[in-house]
C-alpha atoms as a PDB file:
ATOM      1  CA  UNK A   1     -28.408 -17.222 -16.263  1.00  0.00           C
ATOM      2  CA  UNK A   2     -27.040 -14.114 -14.668  1.00  0.00           C
ATOM      3  CA  UNK A   3     -27.125 -10.697 -16.122  1.00  0.00           C
ATOM      4  CA  UNK A   4     -26.757  -6.927 -15.433  1.00  0.00           C
ATOM      5  CA  UNK A   5     -29.079  -4.498 -17.099  1.00  0.00           C
ATOM      6  CA  UNK A   6     -29.120  -0.434 -16.550  1.00  0.00           C
ATOM      7  CA  UNK A   7     -32.395   1.716 -16.889  1.00  0.00           C
ATOM      8  CA  UNK A   8     -32.340   5.393 -16.342  1.00  0.00           C
ATOM      9  CA  UNK A   9     -29.580   5.512 -13.983  1.00  0.00           C
ATOM     10  CA  UNK A  10     -31.086   2.201 -12.017  1.00  0.00           C
ATOM     11  CA  UNK A  11     -28.766  -1.176 -12.497  1.00  0.00           C
ATOM     12  CA  UNK A  12     -30.135  -4.700 -11.500  1.00  0.00           C
ATOM     13  CA  UNK A  13     -28.419  -7.887 -11.639  1.00  0.00           C
ATOM     14  CA  UNK A  14     -30.577 -11.009 -11.381  1.00  0.00           C
ATOM     15  CA  UNK A  15     -29.373 -14.624 -11.168  1.00  0.00           C
ATOM     16  CA  UNK A  16     -31.642 -17.468 -11.956  1.00  0.00           C
ATOM     17  CA  UNK A  17     -29.971 -20.987 -11.830  1.00  0.00           C
ATOM     18  CA  UNK A  18     -31.257 -23.618 -13.877  1.00  0.00           C
ATOM     19  CA  UNK A  19     -29.786 -27.433 -14.332  1.00  0.00           C
ATOM     20  CA  UNK A  20     -29.343 -27.232 -18.213  1.00  0.00           C
ATOM     21  CA  UNK A  21     -27.895 -25.052 -20.993  1.00  0.00           C
ATOM     22  CA  UNK A  22     -31.012 -26.364 -23.075  1.00  0.00           C
ATOM     23  CA  UNK A  23     -33.704 -24.512 -20.607  1.00  0.00           C
ATOM     24  CA  UNK A  24     -31.393 -21.655 -20.021  1.00  0.00           C
ATOM     25  CA  UNK A  25     -31.650 -20.815 -23.985  1.00  0.00           C
ATOM     26  CA  UNK A  26     -35.006 -22.138 -24.253  1.00  0.00           C
ATOM     27  CA  UNK A  27     -37.534 -19.103 -25.284  1.00  0.00           C
ATOM     28  CA  UNK A  28     -39.717 -19.203 -22.295  1.00  0.00           C
ATOM     29  CA  UNK A  29     -37.015 -19.366 -19.885  1.00  0.00           C
ATOM     30  CA  UNK A  30     -35.817 -16.327 -21.136  1.00  0.00           C
ATOM     31  CA  UNK A  31     -39.215 -14.714 -21.394  1.00  0.00           C
ATOM     32  CA  UNK A  32     -39.364 -15.508 -17.425  1.00  0.00           C
ATOM     33  CA  UNK A  33     -36.152 -13.870 -16.779  1.00  0.00           C
ATOM     34  CA  UNK A  34     -36.999 -10.807 -18.491  1.00  0.00           C
ATOM     35  CA  UNK A  35     -40.353 -10.647 -16.776  1.00  0.00           C
ATOM     36  CA  UNK A  36     -38.562 -10.845 -13.417  1.00  0.00           C
ATOM     37  CA  UNK A  37     -35.922  -8.322 -13.970  1.00  0.00           C
ATOM     38  CA  UNK A  38     -38.891  -5.966 -15.343  1.00  0.00           C
ATOM     39  CA  UNK A  39     -40.340  -6.104 -11.919  1.00  0.00           C
ATOM     40  CA  UNK A  40     -37.240  -5.345 -10.249  1.00  0.00           C
ATOM     41  CA  UNK A  41     -36.899  -2.611 -11.828  1.00  0.00           C
ATOM     42  CA  UNK A  42     -40.172  -1.066  -9.714  1.00  0.00           C
ATOM     43  CA  UNK A  43     -37.922  -1.382  -6.487  1.00  0.00           C
ATOM     44  CA  UNK A  44     -37.077   1.730  -4.836  1.00  0.00           C
ATOM     45  CA  UNK A  45     -33.905   2.170  -3.219  1.00  0.00           C
ATOM     46  CA  UNK A  46     -30.600  -0.149  -3.384  1.00  0.00           C
ATOM     47  CA  UNK A  47     -30.980  -4.387  -2.639  1.00  0.00           C
ATOM     48  CA  UNK A  48     -28.216  -6.581  -2.113  1.00  0.00           C
ATOM     49  CA  UNK A  49     -30.162  -9.794  -1.820  1.00  0.00           C
ATOM     50  CA  UNK A  50     -33.582 -11.381  -2.508  1.00  0.00           C
ATOM     51  CA  UNK A  51     -34.536 -11.349   0.942  1.00  0.00           C
ATOM     52  CA  UNK A  52     -34.283  -7.642   1.131  1.00  0.00           C
ATOM     53  CA  UNK A  53     -37.117  -7.393  -1.502  1.00  0.00           C
ATOM     54  CA  UNK A  54     -40.620  -6.236  -0.657  1.00  0.00           C
ATOM     55  CA  UNK A  55     -42.319  -9.299   0.968  1.00  0.00           C
ATOM     56  CA  UNK A  56     -45.343  -9.182  -1.894  1.00  0.00           C
ATOM     57  CA  UNK A  57     -42.446  -9.351  -4.556  1.00  0.00           C
ATOM     58  CA  UNK A  58     -40.441 -11.998  -3.038  1.00  0.00           C
ATOM     59  CA  UNK A  59     -43.863 -14.240  -3.019  1.00  0.00           C
ATOM     60  CA  UNK A  60     -44.748 -13.052  -6.788  1.00  0.00           C
ATOM     61  CA  UNK A  61     -41.290 -14.152  -7.995  1.00  0.00           C
ATOM     62  CA  UNK A  62     -41.384 -17.366  -6.132  1.00  0.00           C
ATOM     63  CA  UNK A  63     -44.546 -18.344  -7.086  1.00  0.00           C
ATOM     64  CA  UNK A  64     -43.762 -17.616 -11.158  1.00  0.00           C
ATOM     65  CA  UNK A  65     -40.377 -19.349 -10.661  1.00  0.00           C
ATOM     66  CA  UNK A  66     -42.524 -22.231  -9.165  1.00  0.00           C
ATOM     67  CA  UNK A  67     -44.905 -22.188 -11.926  1.00  0.00           C
ATOM     68  CA  UNK A  68     -42.299 -22.319 -14.496  1.00  0.00           C
ATOM     69  CA  UNK A  69     -41.033 -25.236 -12.695  1.00  0.00           C
ATOM     70  CA  UNK A  70     -44.282 -27.144 -12.699  1.00  0.00           C
ATOM     71  CA  UNK A  71     -44.169 -26.718 -16.368  1.00  0.00           C
ATOM     72  CA  UNK A  72     -40.809 -27.885 -17.335  1.00  0.00           C
ATOM     73  CA  UNK A  73     -40.196 -30.236 -14.838  1.00  0.00           C
ATOM     74  CA  UNK A  74     -36.590 -28.825 -14.173  1.00  0.00           C
ATOM     75  CA  UNK A  75     -35.562 -27.427 -10.937  1.00  0.00           C
ATOM     76  CA  UNK A  76     -34.772 -23.497 -10.806  1.00  0.00           C
ATOM     77  CA  UNK A  77     -33.209 -21.350  -8.042  1.00  0.00           C
ATOM     78  CA  UNK A  78     -33.133 -17.802  -7.345  1.00  0.00           C
ATOM     79  CA  UNK A  79     -29.725 -16.656  -6.786  1.00  0.00           C
ATOM     80  CA  UNK A  80     -28.102 -13.070  -6.270  1.00  0.00           C
ATOM     81  CA  UNK A  81     -30.401  -9.986  -6.614  1.00  0.00           C
ATOM     82  CA  UNK A  82     -28.995  -6.703  -6.797  1.00  0.00           C
ATOM     83  CA  UNK A  83     -30.442  -3.333  -7.243  1.00  0.00           C
ATOM     84  CA  UNK A  84     -28.708   0.033  -7.183  1.00  0.00           C
ATOM     85  CA  UNK A  85     -28.625   3.200  -7.908  1.00  0.00           C
ATOM     86  CA  UNK A  86     -25.005   3.949  -7.363  1.00  0.00           C
ATOM     87  CA  UNK A  87     -23.125   4.959 -10.667  1.00  0.00           C
ATOM     88  CA  UNK A  88     -21.932   1.306 -11.730  1.00  0.00           C
ATOM     89  CA  UNK A  89     -20.447  -0.102 -15.331  1.00  0.00           C
ATOM     90  CA  UNK A  90     -22.131  -3.503 -15.856  1.00  0.00           C
ATOM     91  CA  UNK A  91     -20.460  -6.368 -17.841  1.00  0.00           C
ATOM     92  CA  UNK A  92     -22.150  -9.406 -18.978  1.00  0.00           C
ATOM     93  CA  UNK A  93     -19.808 -12.016 -20.297  1.00  0.00           C
ATOM     94  CA  UNK A  94     -20.831 -13.832 -23.438  1.00  0.00           C
ATOM     95  CA  UNK A  95     -23.234 -16.769 -22.604  1.00  0.00           C
ATOM     96  CA  UNK A  96     -24.808 -14.828 -19.670  1.00  0.00           C
ATOM     97  CA  UNK A  97     -22.628 -17.200 -16.888  1.00  0.00           C
ATOM     98  CA  UNK A  98     -20.522 -14.497 -15.692  1.00  0.00           C
ATOM     99  CA  UNK A  99     -21.520 -10.937 -14.643  1.00  0.00           C
ATOM    100  CA  UNK A 100     -19.217  -7.771 -12.995  1.00  0.00           C
ATOM    101  CA  UNK A 101     -20.004  -4.634 -11.478  1.00  0.00           C
ATOM    102  CA  UNK A 102     -17.635  -1.818 -11.274  1.00  0.00           C
ATOM    103  CA  UNK A 103     -18.755   1.118  -8.747  1.00  0.00           C
ATOM    104  CA  UNK A 104     -16.914   4.114 -10.070  1.00  0.00           C
ATOM    105  CA  UNK A 105     -16.548   7.594 -10.964  1.00  0.00           C
ATOM    106  CA  UNK A 106     -14.964   9.171 -14.015  1.00  0.00           C
ATOM    107  CA  UNK A 107     -14.207   7.568 -17.292  1.00  0.00           C
ATOM    108  CA  UNK A 108     -16.426   4.660 -18.468  1.00  0.00           C
ATOM    109  CA  UNK A 109     -13.847   3.010 -21.052  1.00  0.00           C
ATOM    110  CA  UNK A 110     -11.583   2.494 -17.814  1.00  0.00           C
ATOM    111  CA  UNK A 111     -14.663   1.219 -15.797  1.00  0.00           C
ATOM    112  CA  UNK A 112     -15.282  -1.079 -18.762  1.00  0.00           C
ATOM    113  CA  UNK A 113     -11.400  -2.602 -18.994  1.00  0.00           C
ATOM    114  CA  UNK A 114     -11.637  -3.508 -15.170  1.00  0.00           C
ATOM    115  CA  UNK A 115     -15.430  -5.067 -15.704  1.00  0.00           C
ATOM    116  CA  UNK A 116     -13.717  -7.294 -17.823  1.00  0.00           C
ATOM    117  CA  UNK A 117     -10.544  -7.778 -15.673  1.00  0.00           C
ATOM    118  CA  UNK A 118     -13.243  -8.660 -12.907  1.00  0.00           C
ATOM    119  CA  UNK A 119     -15.076 -11.279 -15.060  1.00  0.00           C
ATOM    120  CA  UNK A 120     -11.952 -12.846 -16.570  1.00  0.00           C
ATOM    121  CA  UNK A 121      -9.721 -12.916 -13.225  1.00  0.00           C
ATOM    122  CA  UNK A 122     -12.036 -13.426 -10.169  1.00  0.00           C
ATOM    123  CA  UNK A 123     -10.370 -11.072  -7.349  1.00  0.00           C
ATOM    124  CA  UNK A 124     -11.158 -11.150  -3.959  1.00  0.00           C
ATOM    125  CA  UNK A 125      -9.995  -7.706  -2.815  1.00  0.00           C
ATOM    126  CA  UNK A 126      -9.929  -4.284  -4.444  1.00  0.00           C
ATOM    127  CA  UNK A 127      -6.672  -2.996  -2.470  1.00  0.00           C
ATOM    128  CA  UNK A 128      -4.035  -4.604  -0.386  1.00  0.00           C
ATOM    129  CA  UNK A 129      -5.862  -3.037   2.920  1.00  0.00           C
ATOM    130  CA  UNK A 130      -8.472  -5.138   1.995  1.00  0.00           C
ATOM    131  CA  UNK A 131      -7.170  -8.309   2.965  1.00  0.00           C
ATOM    132  CA  UNK A 132      -7.729  -9.485   6.498  1.00  0.00           C
ATOM    133  CA  UNK A 133      -4.651  -8.806   8.864  1.00  0.00           C
ATOM    134  CA  UNK A 134      -4.871 -12.113  10.456  1.00  0.00           C
ATOM    135  CA  UNK A 135      -4.249 -13.833   6.538  1.00  0.00           C
ATOM    136  CA  UNK A 136      -1.506 -11.519   6.395  1.00  0.00           C
ATOM    137  CA  UNK A 137      -0.015 -12.657   9.953  1.00  0.00           C
ATOM    138  CA  UNK A 138      -0.136 -16.125   9.016  1.00  0.00           C
ATOM    139  CA  UNK A 139       1.739 -15.644   6.181  1.00  0.00           C
ATOM    140  CA  UNK A 140       4.207 -13.702   7.737  1.00  0.00           C
ATOM    141  CA  UNK A 141       4.680 -16.145  10.593  1.00  0.00           C
ATOM    142  CA  UNK A 142       5.189 -18.851   7.712  1.00  0.00           C
ATOM    143  CA  UNK A 143       7.617 -17.127   5.582  1.00  0.00           C
ATOM    144  CA  UNK A 144       9.523 -15.948   8.854  1.00  0.00           C
ATOM    145  CA  UNK A 145      10.064 -19.574   9.765  1.00  0.00           C
ATOM    146  CA  UNK A 146      10.741 -20.815   6.364  1.00  0.00           C
ATOM    147  CA  UNK A 147      13.564 -17.921   5.984  1.00  0.00           C
ATOM    148  CA  UNK A 148      14.981 -18.503   9.253  1.00  0.00           C
ATOM    149  CA  UNK A 149      15.167 -22.147   8.795  1.00  0.00           C
ATOM    150  CA  UNK A 150      17.043 -21.527   5.400  1.00  0.00           C
ATOM    151  CA  UNK A 151      19.586 -19.507   7.151  1.00  0.00           C
ATOM    152  CA  UNK A 152      18.923 -15.990   5.640  1.00  0.00           C
ATOM    153  CA  UNK A 153      20.185 -13.224   7.869  1.00  0.00           C
ATOM    154  CA  UNK A 154      18.325 -11.875  10.267  1.00  0.00           C
ATOM    155  CA  UNK A 155      18.473  -8.426   9.124  1.00  0.00           C
ATOM    156  CA  UNK A 156      17.202  -9.233   5.752  1.00  0.00           C
ATOM    157  CA  UNK A 157      14.224 -11.591   6.560  1.00  0.00           C
ATOM    158  CA  UNK A 158      11.582  -8.565   7.508  1.00  0.00           C
ATOM    159  CA  UNK A 159      11.928  -7.053   4.021  1.00  0.00           C
ATOM    160  CA  UNK A 160      12.164 -10.457   2.032  1.00  0.00           C
ATOM    161  CA  UNK A 161       8.745 -11.509   3.776  1.00  0.00           C
ATOM    162  CA  UNK A 162       6.863  -8.478   3.148  1.00  0.00           C
ATOM    163  CA  UNK A 163       7.894  -8.754  -0.499  1.00  0.00           C
ATOM    164  CA  UNK A 164       6.461 -12.653  -0.543  1.00  0.00           C
ATOM    165  CA  UNK A 165       3.271 -11.568   1.090  1.00  0.00           C
ATOM    166  CA  UNK A 166       2.703  -8.932  -1.496  1.00  0.00           C
ATOM    167  CA  UNK A 167       3.340 -11.781  -4.331  1.00  0.00           C
ATOM    168  CA  UNK A 168       1.139 -14.101  -2.453  1.00  0.00           C
ATOM    169  CA  UNK A 169      -1.631 -11.728  -2.484  1.00  0.00           C
ATOM    170  CA  UNK A 170      -1.026 -10.349  -6.035  1.00  0.00           C
ATOM    171  CA  UNK A 171      -3.421 -12.240  -7.943  1.00  0.00           C
ATOM    172  CA  UNK A 172      -6.312 -12.123  -5.262  1.00  0.00           C
ATOM    173  CA  UNK A 173      -6.087  -7.960  -5.040  1.00  0.00           C
ATOM    174  CA  UNK A 174      -7.547  -6.318  -8.291  1.00  0.00           C
ATOM    175  CA  UNK A 175      -5.488  -3.144  -8.632  1.00  0.00           C
ATOM    176  CA  UNK A 176      -2.272  -5.646  -8.184  1.00  0.00           C
ATOM    177  CA  UNK A 177      -3.507  -8.133 -11.041  1.00  0.00           C
ATOM    178  CA  UNK A 178      -1.245  -8.221 -14.111  1.00  0.00           C
ATOM    179  CA  UNK A 179      -3.791  -6.665 -16.710  1.00  0.00           C
ATOM    180  CA  UNK A 180      -5.506  -9.232 -19.116  1.00  0.00           C
ATOM    181  CA  UNK A 181      -4.874  -6.771 -21.849  1.00  0.00           C
ATOM    182  CA  UNK A 182      -1.307  -6.115 -21.192  1.00  0.00           C
ATOM    183  CA  UNK A 183       0.805  -8.195 -18.944  1.00  0.00           C
ATOM    184  CA  UNK A 184       3.612  -5.795 -18.625  1.00  0.00           C
ATOM    185  CA  UNK A 185       0.760  -3.443 -16.646  1.00  0.00           C
ATOM    186  CA  UNK A 186      -1.135  -3.718 -13.595  1.00  0.00           C
ATOM    187  CA  UNK A 187      -4.623  -2.941 -13.300  1.00  0.00           C
ATOM    188  CA  UNK A 188      -3.970   0.093 -11.036  1.00  0.00           C
ATOM    189  CA  UNK A 189      -1.649   1.395 -14.205  1.00  0.00           C
ATOM    190  CA  UNK A 190      -4.781   1.732 -16.010  1.00  0.00           C
ATOM    191  CA  UNK A 191      -6.244   3.972 -13.647  1.00  0.00           C
ATOM    192  CA  UNK A 192      -5.996   7.512 -14.740  1.00  0.00           C
ATOM    193  CA  UNK A 193      -7.252  11.226 -14.492  1.00  0.00           C
ATOM    194  CA  UNK A 194     -10.156  11.670 -11.900  1.00  0.00           C
ATOM    195  CA  UNK A 195     -11.074   8.096 -12.205  1.00  0.00           C
ATOM    196  CA  UNK A 196     -11.558   5.948  -8.990  1.00  0.00           C
ATOM    197  CA  UNK A 197     -13.395   2.382  -7.913  1.00  0.00           C
ATOM    198  CA  UNK A 198     -15.059   2.289  -4.967  1.00  0.00           C
ATOM    199  CA  UNK A 199     -16.321  -1.310  -5.177  1.00  0.00           C
ATOM    200  CA  UNK A 200     -16.426  -4.318  -7.719  1.00  0.00           C
ATOM    201  CA  UNK A 201     -18.754  -7.409  -7.317  1.00  0.00           C
ATOM    202  CA  UNK A 202     -18.535 -10.674  -9.704  1.00  0.00           C
ATOM    203  CA  UNK A 203     -21.341 -13.254 -10.268  1.00  0.00           C
ATOM    204  CA  UNK A 204     -20.856 -16.319 -11.880  1.00  0.00           C
ATOM    205  CA  UNK A 205     -22.969 -19.457 -12.271  1.00  0.00           C
END
């Protein structure tokens, strides 16, 4: 189970893995999950993983999980833990198996649409600038060799290659993806006014 929750300007994302849907839907599992989330809201500052929590809280949560394992006889594993005071929109997909966070300024409705996009399409990068240069260069070499072998004119190859690289990464780059709402638009076309997105995160089980 993974879920994002916001209270008084602080957002917590917690992921607790179990082996079956039967356990995840169990009332006692839900109570354990909620109790841990409540404790996470007491932490000051921003946290990006479980190991960054205060040591005493790590031990407390681990003991709670171990105790529950002893009662039900099914293994549980602590997954992602994120605590942030930044301005984010958290989206929990039905069934609590996918959660996305959008770090943004501006219109919350736009943030919501982008959060849905991230949950559904699982992009890797926010913009083309984030794609590692070595990945781009590897494709540049590959496409150049293919076009030369196909007999394309030398003067045309560079432009064709850049177009093929952009297309190759389009599905991996959030702002270049086709909108799940309207395939005629890219996600970047949804951004209006003073809206800006600095980062996104996706959590899944």
